[in-house]
């Protein structure tokens, strides 16, 4: 029988992976895909030239540096579920891309380095998840290396994140003695993930559990397991879905330990697509009409075709290939002739996509981050953020004859979210803004490789940028007229105030109390009549 809308939605699991850089996030991503049957061979992140590169890191600068700098989207089936996996950048310089991605997921996997515990970047990303009530599954990675005591890691999660922990599996040894994981509730042992079997045992002292360890480590392991059962909270699905408790799994993504239990837990515990807040109502995933929002734009994924892909999260209903959707920002109809599912840089046509799915919509600059698509209803989804940049630079072009091409390229990079573009009111050259310096490296590399534009950067006289508004239009216009040399417009034409430093910003704020200076702008304010 054909699958109903309710059945299709119930099978979806849409999640992101968050971590501090080098915690093993991209390696875990690949192993999830491997065990989900989406790939046949997982490539190492820091691969040698004769090895396969990471499948989710497809950009040249990612392969060279062994880091993720853009969000990769991968859709695959495993068991009874359809998974939409969003592999986000771990580096703090790409925080804006990661924050926007977290608006499109229903759950997250938090990867923790077993030796380092909760690191600053992990803490920041967790705070974003908490603000959005995103349930979190924790994976303590790299247990095959020297690691901290598991209880110490659990205590740190509870202390730093104010989050209850419920260990589901327990490591059998660590470092050189790491031999697998012990399932606390089921009394079962799983060794290598490549073997899709768990061995039932009579207890932690059995030959198939403690017996895997050197003799002088066995008693300590049995004591740990018994203490974990007695002292740690049992897993509570309601507390997890409310964001108060995280189930904890131990393993080593690189060596294929613990990942299969993790993906099974996502299917069993993670919520199906949740309702999304729009400006006029709460949109349920099982509503019959299709709605979706754009959380990312990626240009030139296929350099041979100079394509532009808008990644959309389907929020309700069914997106069908060939259908027409209303773009809420303009009120115009947009034909969805070739929606696509992605597996990193590989893609296939999506004939049907349901709430929770993430699909790519090829377009030529029509769609922007934060746009809403509907089957006709005039709504706009809320909460896709745009952050004030922390670094402002002017772009110096080596070949002045290519100025027009540079202007077009920067416009496209800004629409994509690689940088923010500000056009000063006084007619001086445009200014680009980024969250971190590594984003400038990405911009420079992409302008050179994708557009043939070698560039360099020079300091602007501004270091601080804030969006400005006022309750009365006359007050805003008066401020803009008085500060014309310090005013610019962003990609949407909204005014921003540029200051040399924080002191100058505070000074103007005191002088102009009717002006609001904000560092976060949400995209939901724009809707056609």
Protein backbone atom coordinates (compact mmCIF):
# COMPACT_ATOMS: atom_id res chain seq x y z
CA UNK A 1 0.00 0.00 0.00
CA UNK A 2 1.17 3.55 -0.69
CA UNK A 3 2.69 5.28 2.31
CA UNK A 4 0.43 7.88 3.93
CA UNK A 5 1.68 11.37 4.79
CA UNK A 6 1.56 10.55 8.50
CA UNK A 7 3.57 7.34 7.99
CA UNK A 8 6.18 9.07 5.84
CA UNK A 9 6.65 11.89 8.35
CA UNK A 10 6.92 9.46 11.27
CA UNK A 11 9.86 7.70 9.58
CA UNK A 12 11.96 10.88 9.21
CA UNK A 13 14.86 11.74 11.49
CA UNK A 14 16.61 15.05 10.76
CA UNK A 15 19.67 15.79 12.85
CA UNK A 16 22.96 17.68 12.97
CA UNK A 17 26.31 16.69 14.38
CA UNK A 18 27.95 19.30 16.61
CA UNK A 19 31.35 19.34 18.26
CA UNK A 20 34.55 21.20 18.93
CA UNK A 21 37.03 20.97 16.01
CA UNK A 22 39.00 17.71 15.88
CA UNK A 23 36.62 15.79 18.13
CA UNK A 24 36.01 13.38 15.24
CA UNK A 25 32.76 14.78 13.90
CA UNK A 26 33.42 14.24 10.20
CA UNK A 27 34.77 10.74 10.82
CA UNK A 28 31.61 9.91 12.76
CA UNK A 29 29.51 11.31 9.92
CA UNK A 30 31.17 8.97 7.47
CA UNK A 31 30.73 5.93 9.69
CA UNK A 32 27.04 6.70 10.17
CA UNK A 33 26.72 6.80 6.40
CA UNK A 34 28.74 3.64 6.03
CA UNK A 35 26.58 1.67 8.45
CA UNK A 36 23.49 3.22 6.91
CA UNK A 37 24.55 1.74 3.58
CA UNK A 38 24.94 5.15 1.93
CA UNK A 39 28.60 4.58 1.07
CA UNK A 40 30.75 1.56 0.55
CA UNK A 41 34.05 2.97 1.79
CA UNK A 42 34.59 5.66 4.41
CA UNK A 43 37.51 7.99 3.70
CA UNK A 44 39.74 9.37 6.42
CA UNK A 45 39.48 13.09 7.05
CA UNK A 46 43.21 13.74 6.96
CA UNK A 47 43.72 11.39 4.07
CA UNK A 48 46.97 10.87 2.26
CA UNK A 49 47.03 11.66 -1.42
CA UNK A 50 46.52 8.05 -2.43
CA UNK A 51 43.48 7.62 -0.18
CA UNK A 52 39.91 8.69 -0.59
CA UNK A 53 39.08 12.10 0.87
CA UNK A 54 36.28 12.66 3.31
CA UNK A 55 32.98 12.21 1.51
CA UNK A 56 31.24 15.08 3.30
CA UNK A 57 34.12 17.56 2.87
CA UNK A 58 34.03 18.24 -0.87
CA UNK A 59 35.49 21.77 -1.10
CA UNK A 60 39.20 22.08 -1.94
CA UNK A 61 40.06 24.10 1.17
CA UNK A 62 38.33 21.48 3.33
CA UNK A 63 40.39 18.65 1.83
CA UNK A 64 43.63 20.59 2.21
CA UNK A 65 43.09 21.58 5.84
CA UNK A 66 41.16 18.54 7.06
CA UNK A 67 38.27 20.64 8.41
CA UNK A 68 34.63 21.23 7.56
CA UNK A 69 33.87 24.80 6.47
CA UNK A 70 30.40 24.37 5.01
CA UNK A 71 27.36 22.40 6.03
CA UNK A 72 27.00 19.16 4.08
CA UNK A 73 23.59 17.54 3.68
CA UNK A 74 23.19 13.80 3.32
CA UNK A 75 19.98 11.77 3.03
CA UNK A 76 19.93 7.99 3.42
CA UNK A 77 17.75 5.14 4.65
CA UNK A 78 18.66 2.75 7.45
CA UNK A 79 16.30 0.22 8.93
CA UNK A 80 12.78 1.64 8.99
CA UNK A 81 13.86 5.27 8.95
CA UNK A 82 14.90 8.00 6.52
CA UNK A 83 17.77 10.08 7.92
CA UNK A 84 18.66 13.62 6.94
CA UNK A 85 22.13 14.22 8.32
CA UNK A 86 23.59 17.74 8.40
CA UNK A 87 27.34 17.78 9.02
CA UNK A 88 28.09 21.29 10.30
CA UNK A 89 31.39 23.20 10.47
CA UNK A 90 33.10 22.72 13.81
CA UNK A 91 35.33 25.78 13.55
CA UNK A 92 34.04 28.85 15.38
CA UNK A 93 34.77 31.09 12.37
CA UNK A 94 31.75 29.48 10.66
CA UNK A 95 29.36 29.84 13.59
CA UNK A 96 26.74 31.64 11.49
CA UNK A 97 26.43 28.70 9.08
CA UNK A 98 26.15 26.26 11.98
CA UNK A 99 23.53 28.33 13.82
CA UNK A 100 21.36 28.56 10.70
CA UNK A 101 21.68 24.83 10.17
CA UNK A 102 20.42 24.15 13.69
CA UNK A 103 17.14 25.85 12.77
CA UNK A 104 16.55 23.00 10.28
CA UNK A 105 17.03 19.97 12.57
CA UNK A 106 14.96 18.13 15.16
CA UNK A 107 17.83 16.54 17.10
CA UNK A 108 21.61 16.68 17.41
CA UNK A 109 24.52 14.39 18.14
CA UNK A 110 27.09 16.02 20.39
CA UNK A 111 30.55 14.54 19.84
CA UNK A 112 32.89 14.77 22.83
CA UNK A 113 36.60 13.93 22.74
CA UNK A 114 37.16 11.33 25.48
CA UNK A 115 40.46 12.96 26.48
CA UNK A 116 39.36 16.60 26.36
CA UNK A 117 35.75 16.53 27.50
CA UNK A 118 33.51 19.58 27.00
CA UNK A 119 35.43 22.21 25.02
CA UNK A 120 34.44 25.87 24.44
CA UNK A 121 32.98 25.38 20.96
CA UNK A 122 30.91 22.41 22.17
CA UNK A 123 29.53 24.56 24.97
CA UNK A 124 28.49 27.37 22.60
CA UNK A 125 26.76 25.01 20.19
CA UNK A 126 24.98 23.27 23.05
CA UNK A 127 23.61 26.63 24.21
CA UNK A 128 22.10 27.17 20.75
CA UNK A 129 20.51 23.72 20.89
CA UNK A 130 19.10 24.51 24.33
CA UNK A 131 17.57 27.76 23.10
CA UNK A 132 15.75 25.76 20.43
CA UNK A 133 14.87 22.82 22.73
CA UNK A 134 16.77 20.43 20.45
CA UNK A 135 17.21 16.97 22.06
CA UNK A 136 20.84 15.87 22.19
CA UNK A 137 22.42 12.43 21.98
CA UNK A 138 26.03 12.38 23.27
CA UNK A 139 28.80 10.30 21.70
CA UNK A 140 32.06 10.13 23.65
CA UNK A 141 34.57 9.50 20.90
CA UNK A 142 38.20 8.29 20.74
CA UNK A 143 37.94 5.75 23.55
CA UNK A 144 40.67 3.82 21.73
CA UNK A 145 43.13 6.50 22.85
CA UNK A 146 44.12 7.61 26.32
CA UNK A 147 40.90 8.94 27.81
CA UNK A 148 39.54 10.47 30.98
CA UNK A 149 37.54 8.42 33.44
CA UNK A 150 34.00 7.92 32.06
CA UNK A 151 32.42 9.12 35.31
CA UNK A 152 34.53 12.29 35.14
CA UNK A 153 33.22 12.96 31.62
CA UNK A 154 29.61 12.42 32.72
CA UNK A 155 30.11 14.76 35.69
CA UNK A 156 31.56 17.44 33.41
CA UNK A 157 28.60 17.22 31.03
CA UNK A 158 26.21 17.64 33.95
CA UNK A 159 28.21 20.50 35.53
CA UNK A 160 29.04 22.55 32.42
CA UNK A 161 25.85 21.94 30.46
CA UNK A 162 23.36 21.56 33.34
CA UNK A 163 22.16 18.45 31.53
CA UNK A 164 21.34 15.12 33.13
CA UNK A 165 23.25 12.17 31.68
CA UNK A 166 22.03 8.62 31.17
CA UNK A 167 24.79 6.30 29.94
CA UNK A 168 23.33 3.70 27.60
CA UNK A 169 26.58 1.94 26.79
CA UNK A 170 29.80 1.68 28.80
CA UNK A 171 33.33 1.31 27.43
CA UNK A 172 35.10 -1.98 27.91
CA UNK A 173 38.56 -0.62 28.65
CA UNK A 174 40.18 2.44 27.12
CA UNK A 175 43.24 3.25 25.05
CA UNK A 176 45.05 0.08 24.04
CA UNK A 177 42.70 -2.11 26.05
CA UNK A 178 39.49 -0.69 24.51
CA UNK A 179 37.60 -3.72 23.21
CA UNK A 180 33.97 -2.70 22.70
CA UNK A 181 30.94 -1.44 24.59
CA UNK A 182 28.62 -2.90 27.19
CA UNK A 183 24.91 -2.10 26.95
CA UNK A 184 23.85 -1.35 30.52
CA UNK A 185 20.12 -2.07 30.24
CA UNK A 186 20.27 -5.04 27.88
CA UNK A 187 23.31 -6.86 29.31
CA UNK A 188 24.84 -7.17 25.87
CA UNK A 189 28.27 -6.58 24.38
CA UNK A 190 28.99 -5.09 20.98
CA UNK A 191 32.45 -5.24 19.55
CA UNK A 192 33.18 -4.06 16.00
CA UNK A 193 30.28 -2.25 14.32
CA UNK A 194 31.01 -4.05 11.06
CA UNK A 195 29.47 -7.09 12.74
CA UNK A 196 25.79 -6.23 13.17
CA UNK A 197 25.41 -8.42 16.23
CA UNK A 198 25.35 -7.96 19.96
CA UNK A 199 26.34 -10.76 22.29
CA UNK A 200 23.95 -11.30 25.24
CA UNK A 201 25.89 -11.88 28.47
CA UNK A 202 25.02 -12.82 32.04
CA UNK A 203 26.71 -9.74 33.46
CA UNK A 204 29.78 -7.52 33.21
CA UNK A 205 31.94 -10.20 34.83
CA UNK A 206 31.32 -12.67 31.96
CA UNK A 207 34.07 -13.82 29.61
CA UNK A 208 32.48 -11.86 26.73
CA UNK A 209 32.67 -8.59 28.72
CA UNK A 210 35.33 -8.32 31.44
CA UNK A 211 37.05 -11.30 29.86
CA UNK A 212 38.04 -9.09 26.92
CA UNK A 213 40.31 -7.06 29.21
CA UNK A 214 43.69 -7.82 30.77
CA UNK A 215 43.21 -9.67 34.04
CA UNK A 216 44.25 -6.75 36.26
CA UNK A 217 41.59 -4.47 34.64
CA UNK A 218 38.60 -6.79 34.94
CA UNK A 219 37.56 -6.09 38.52
CA UNK A 220 37.60 -2.33 37.97
CA UNK A 221 35.42 -2.68 34.87
CA UNK A 222 32.81 -4.75 36.74
CA UNK A 223 32.74 -2.19 39.55
CA UNK A 224 32.30 0.66 37.03
CA UNK A 225 29.36 -1.02 35.32
CA UNK A 226 27.61 -1.78 38.60
CA UNK A 227 28.22 1.77 39.85
CA UNK A 228 26.93 3.26 36.58
CA UNK A 229 23.71 1.29 36.93
CA UNK A 230 23.20 2.36 40.53
CA UNK A 231 24.40 5.97 40.49
CA UNK A 232 23.44 7.22 37.02
CA UNK A 233 19.94 8.14 35.94
CA UNK A 234 18.12 5.65 33.72
CA UNK A 235 17.18 6.84 30.26
CA UNK A 236 13.87 8.74 30.23
CA UNK A 237 12.45 9.43 26.78
CA UNK A 238 10.30 12.35 27.95
CA UNK A 239 13.21 14.09 29.68
CA UNK A 240 15.29 13.57 26.54
CA UNK A 241 12.67 15.04 24.20
CA UNK A 242 12.29 18.04 26.51
CA UNK A 243 16.04 18.65 26.34
CA UNK A 244 16.73 17.91 30.03
CA UNK A 245 18.61 14.61 29.63
CA UNK A 246 21.09 13.18 27.14
CA UNK A 247 21.70 9.47 26.51
CA UNK A 248 25.46 8.84 26.39
CA UNK A 249 27.25 6.36 24.13
CA UNK A 250 30.96 5.55 24.18
CA UNK A 251 33.05 4.42 21.24
CA UNK A 252 35.62 5.11 18.56
CA UNK A 253 34.31 6.28 15.20
CA UNK A 254 37.69 5.75 13.54
CA UNK A 255 37.89 2.12 14.64
CA UNK A 256 34.18 1.28 14.12
CA UNK A 257 33.18 0.96 17.76
CA UNK A 258 29.86 2.21 19.11
CA UNK A 259 28.47 3.89 16.00
CA UNK A 260 25.81 1.32 15.18
CA UNK A 261 24.27 1.66 18.64
CA UNK A 262 24.25 5.41 18.07
CA UNK A 263 22.34 5.26 14.78
CA UNK A 264 19.91 2.75 16.26
CA UNK A 265 19.29 5.16 19.14
CA UNK A 266 18.51 7.99 16.72
CA UNK A 267 15.83 5.87 15.14
CA UNK A 268 14.39 4.81 18.48
CA UNK A 269 14.71 8.02 20.52
CA UNK A 270 15.01 11.07 18.24
CA UNK A 271 11.75 12.86 17.50
CA UNK A 272 10.08 12.81 14.08
CA UNK A 273 9.74 16.21 12.36
CA UNK A 274 8.49 18.78 14.82
CA UNK A 275 6.07 21.67 14.33
CA UNK A 276 7.68 24.92 13.11
CA UNK A 277 6.73 28.43 14.20
CA UNK A 278 5.61 30.78 11.44
CA UNK A 279 4.59 34.42 11.81
CA UNK A 280 0.86 33.67 11.98
CA UNK A 281 0.61 30.12 13.32
CA UNK A 282 2.37 26.92 14.33
CA UNK A 283 2.81 24.68 11.27
CA UNK A 284 2.49 20.96 12.02
CA UNK A 285 4.55 18.45 10.04
CA UNK A 286 1.42 16.49 9.13
CA UNK A 287 -0.43 19.50 7.69
CA UNK A 288 -1.47 18.59 4.15
CA UNK A 289 -0.12 21.69 2.35
CA UNK A 290 3.60 21.84 1.60
CA UNK A 291 5.66 24.46 3.41
CA UNK A 292 9.44 24.84 3.58
CA UNK A 293 12.15 27.37 4.39
CA UNK A 294 15.64 28.03 3.01
CA UNK A 295 18.43 27.75 5.59
CA UNK A 296 21.44 27.62 3.28
CA UNK A 297 22.57 28.60 -0.22
CA UNK A 298 25.51 26.88 -1.88
CA UNK A 299 26.95 28.01 -5.20
CA UNK A 300 29.22 26.10 -7.57
CA UNK A 301 28.92 22.68 -5.95
CA UNK A 302 29.41 21.54 -9.55
CA UNK A 303 31.94 24.04 -11.02
CA UNK A 304 31.25 22.74 -14.52
CA UNK A 305 27.67 24.00 -14.37
CA UNK A 306 28.06 27.08 -12.11
CA UNK A 307 24.98 25.97 -10.21
CA UNK A 308 23.29 27.57 -7.20
CA UNK A 309 21.48 25.30 -4.77
CA UNK A 310 19.09 26.46 -2.07
CA UNK A 311 18.84 23.92 0.75
CA UNK A 312 15.31 23.84 2.11
CA UNK A 313 13.85 22.08 5.11
CA UNK A 314 10.39 20.76 4.29
CA UNK A 315 8.20 21.68 7.26
CA UNK A 316 4.85 20.18 6.31
CA UNK A 317 3.08 18.23 3.62
CA UNK A 318 4.71 16.74 0.55
CA UNK A 319 7.04 18.46 -1.90
CA UNK A 320 6.54 16.97 -5.37
CA UNK A 321 8.84 17.39 -8.33
CA UNK A 322 7.21 19.72 -10.87
CA UNK A 323 4.92 21.48 -8.40
CA UNK A 324 4.70 25.27 -8.11
CA UNK A 325 5.29 26.96 -4.78
CA UNK A 326 4.73 30.50 -3.59
CA UNK A 327 7.83 32.45 -2.54
CA UNK A 328 6.53 34.48 0.41
CA UNK A 329 9.11 37.27 0.07
CA UNK A 330 7.97 38.18 -3.45
CA UNK A 331 4.53 36.59 -3.64
CA UNK A 332 5.51 34.99 -6.96
CA UNK A 333 5.20 31.35 -8.00
CA UNK A 334 8.36 29.26 -8.30
CA UNK A 335 8.49 26.03 -10.28
CA UNK A 336 10.20 23.15 -8.44
CA UNK A 337 11.24 21.25 -11.54
CA UNK A 338 14.35 19.50 -10.19
CA UNK A 339 14.44 19.18 -6.38
CA UNK A 340 17.36 17.02 -5.30
CA UNK A 341 18.46 14.81 -2.46
CA UNK A 342 22.13 15.10 -1.59
CA UNK A 343 24.90 12.90 -0.44
CA UNK A 344 27.67 15.51 -0.02
CA UNK A 345 28.59 16.41 -3.63
CA UNK A 346 26.52 13.60 -5.15
CA UNK A 347 22.84 14.11 -5.85
CA UNK A 348 19.72 12.51 -7.26
CA UNK A 349 16.32 13.88 -8.27
CA UNK A 350 13.75 13.92 -5.49
CA UNK A 351 10.36 12.96 -6.92
CA UNK A 352 8.79 13.29 -3.47
CA UNK A 353 10.00 14.81 -0.21
CA UNK A 354 8.14 14.92 3.06
CA UNK A 355 8.22 17.05 6.19
CA UNK A 356 11.64 16.67 7.79
CA UNK A 357 13.45 16.08 4.51
CA UNK A 358 16.17 18.45 3.33
CA UNK A 359 16.27 18.97 -0.43
CA UNK A 360 18.22 21.18 -2.78
CA UNK A 361 16.40 23.55 -5.14
CA UNK A 362 18.51 24.67 -8.15
CA UNK A 363 17.94 28.36 -8.88
CA UNK A 364 19.71 31.40 -10.31
CA UNK A 365 19.65 33.77 -7.36
CA UNK A 366 15.87 33.71 -6.88
CA UNK A 367 16.02 32.16 -3.41
CA UNK A 368 17.76 33.60 -0.37
CA UNK A 369 18.51 32.35 3.11
CA UNK A 370 15.37 32.67 5.26
CA UNK A 371 12.91 32.48 2.35
CA UNK A 372 9.66 30.58 2.85
CA UNK A 373 8.04 28.39 0.17
CA UNK A 374 4.39 27.34 0.47
CA UNK A 375 1.61 25.82 -1.62
CA UNK A 376 -0.14 29.17 -1.42
CA UNK A 377 -0.54 30.21 2.20
CA UNK A 378 1.03 33.59 2.95
CA UNK A 379 3.28 32.74 5.91
CA UNK A 380 6.92 33.25 6.83
CA UNK A 381 8.90 30.93 9.09
CA UNK A 382 10.75 32.61 11.93
CA UNK A 383 14.08 32.26 13.61
CA UNK A 384 16.73 31.98 10.84
CA UNK A 385 19.46 34.29 12.22
CA UNK A 386 21.93 36.66 10.60
CA UNK A 387 24.79 37.72 12.88
CA UNK A 388 26.71 40.98 12.80
CA UNK A 389 30.21 40.37 11.42
CA UNK A 390 33.22 40.72 13.67
CA UNK A 391 35.72 41.49 10.90
CA UNK A 392 35.17 44.12 8.18
CA UNK A 393 37.42 44.34 5.11
CA UNK A 394 37.55 45.93 1.67
CA UNK A 395 38.42 43.66 -1.25
CA UNK A 396 41.40 44.65 -3.39
CA UNK A 397 41.23 43.32 -6.95
CA UNK A 398 44.50 42.69 -8.79
CA UNK A 399 42.92 43.31 -12.20
CA UNK A 400 40.79 46.47 -12.14
CA UNK A 401 39.21 45.49 -15.47
CA UNK A 402 37.31 42.73 -13.66
CA UNK A 403 35.53 45.06 -11.22
CA UNK A 404 32.09 44.22 -12.61
CA UNK A 405 32.75 40.49 -12.34
CA UNK A 406 33.93 40.96 -8.74
CA UNK A 407 30.74 42.84 -7.88
CA UNK A 408 28.63 39.97 -9.23
CA UNK A 409 30.74 37.37 -7.45
CA UNK A 410 30.52 39.15 -4.09
CA UNK A 411 26.76 39.48 -4.54
CA UNK A 412 26.51 35.72 -5.05
CA UNK A 413 28.83 34.95 -2.12
CA UNK A 414 26.69 37.21 0.09
CA UNK A 415 23.44 35.56 -1.03
CA UNK A 416 25.05 32.23 -0.23
CA UNK A 417 26.04 33.39 3.27
CA UNK A 418 29.81 33.02 2.79
CA UNK A 419 30.21 36.71 3.67
CA UNK A 420 27.99 39.68 4.32
CA UNK A 421 28.12 42.53 1.84
CA UNK A 422 27.63 46.17 2.81
CA UNK A 423 27.28 49.04 0.34
CA UNK A 424 28.19 52.40 1.97
CA UNK A 425 25.70 55.22 1.48
CA UNK A 426 28.50 57.63 0.51
CA UNK A 427 29.32 55.61 -2.60
CA UNK A 428 32.68 54.29 -1.40
CA UNK A 429 33.70 50.70 -2.29
CA UNK A 430 31.72 47.82 -0.79
CA UNK A 431 32.77 46.23 2.49
CA UNK A 432 32.64 42.51 3.26
CA UNK A 433 31.99 41.27 6.76
CA UNK A 434 32.76 37.85 8.29
CA UNK A 435 32.50 36.19 11.68
CA UNK A 436 36.05 34.79 11.65
CA UNK A 437 39.30 35.17 9.70
CA UNK A 438 39.06 31.70 8.18
CA UNK A 439 35.99 32.86 6.27
CA UNK A 440 38.21 35.37 4.46
CA UNK A 441 40.49 32.50 3.41
CA UNK A 442 37.47 30.66 2.04
CA UNK A 443 36.29 33.76 0.18
CA UNK A 444 39.74 34.33 -1.32
CA UNK A 445 40.07 30.69 -2.39
CA UNK A 446 36.62 30.55 -3.94
CA UNK A 447 36.94 33.86 -5.79
CA UNK A 448 40.15 32.58 -7.32
CA UNK A 449 39.12 29.01 -8.12
CA UNK A 450 35.46 29.56 -9.10
CA UNK A 451 35.51 33.04 -10.63
CA UNK A 452 39.15 33.50 -11.70
CA UNK A 453 39.50 36.57 -9.45
CA UNK A 454 42.73 36.78 -7.43
CA UNK A 455 42.09 39.23 -4.57
CA UNK A 456 43.59 40.50 -1.35
CA UNK A 457 42.03 42.30 1.60
CA UNK A 458 42.71 45.63 3.22
CA UNK A 459 41.49 47.04 6.50
CA UNK A 460 38.44 49.27 6.50
CA UNK A 461 38.19 52.18 8.93
CA UNK A 462 35.33 50.33 10.60
CA UNK A 463 35.48 47.37 12.99
CA UNK A 464 31.92 47.20 14.33
CA UNK A 465 28.65 46.76 12.47
CA UNK A 466 25.07 46.93 13.80
CA UNK A 467 21.67 46.92 12.14
CA UNK A 468 19.67 50.03 13.02
CA UNK A 469 15.96 50.71 13.38
CA UNK A 470 13.61 53.03 15.25
CA UNK A 471 9.97 53.04 16.28
CA UNK A 472 9.43 56.18 14.21
CA UNK A 473 10.67 56.32 10.64
CA UNK A 474 11.51 60.03 11.01
CA UNK A 475 13.97 59.26 13.81
CA UNK A 476 15.74 56.66 11.69
CA UNK A 477 15.97 58.97 8.67
CA UNK A 478 17.33 61.78 10.83
CA UNK A 479 20.07 59.51 12.17
CA UNK A 480 20.97 58.26 8.67
CA UNK A 481 21.19 61.81 7.34
CA UNK A 482 23.42 62.87 10.23
CA UNK A 483 25.73 59.85 9.91
CA UNK A 484 25.75 59.36 6.15
CA UNK A 485 29.47 58.52 6.06
CA UNK A 486 28.97 55.72 8.61
CA UNK A 487 25.85 54.14 7.09
CA UNK A 488 25.72 51.22 4.67
CA UNK A 489 23.02 48.91 3.30
CA UNK A 490 23.08 45.14 3.53
CA UNK A 491 22.01 42.69 0.86
CA UNK A 492 18.33 43.30 1.65
CA UNK A 493 18.73 47.08 1.62
CA UNK A 494 18.40 47.32 5.41
CA UNK A 495 20.51 50.09 7.01
CA UNK A 496 23.54 49.30 9.17
CA UNK A 497 25.71 51.59 11.27
CA UNK A 498 29.48 51.16 10.97
CA UNK A 499 31.68 52.22 13.88
CA UNK A 500 35.43 52.26 14.43
CA UNK A 501 35.17 50.48 17.78
CA UNK A 502 32.83 49.53 20.61
CA UNK A 503 33.38 52.85 22.39
CA UNK A 504 32.15 54.80 19.36
CA UNK A 505 29.12 52.52 19.08
CA UNK A 506 28.20 53.05 22.74
CA UNK A 507 28.75 56.79 22.41
CA UNK A 508 26.32 57.05 19.47
CA UNK A 509 23.84 54.85 21.32
CA UNK A 510 23.80 57.32 24.20
CA UNK A 511 23.46 60.31 21.89
CA UNK A 512 20.63 58.73 19.90
CA UNK A 513 18.41 56.89 22.42
CA UNK A 514 15.60 56.41 19.88
CA UNK A 515 17.83 54.31 17.60
CA UNK A 516 18.03 50.56 18.15
CA UNK A 517 21.42 48.96 17.44
CA UNK A 518 21.15 45.17 17.10
CA UNK A 519 23.76 42.48 16.36
CA UNK A 520 21.35 39.73 15.28
CA UNK A 521 18.89 40.14 12.43
CA UNK A 522 16.26 37.52 11.68
CA UNK A 523 15.04 36.91 8.17
CA UNK A 524 11.38 36.49 9.06
CA UNK A 525 10.48 40.15 8.77
CA UNK A 526 10.09 40.13 4.97
CA UNK A 527 6.82 39.05 3.37
CA UNK A 528 5.04 40.14 0.22
CA UNK A 529 1.55 41.54 0.60
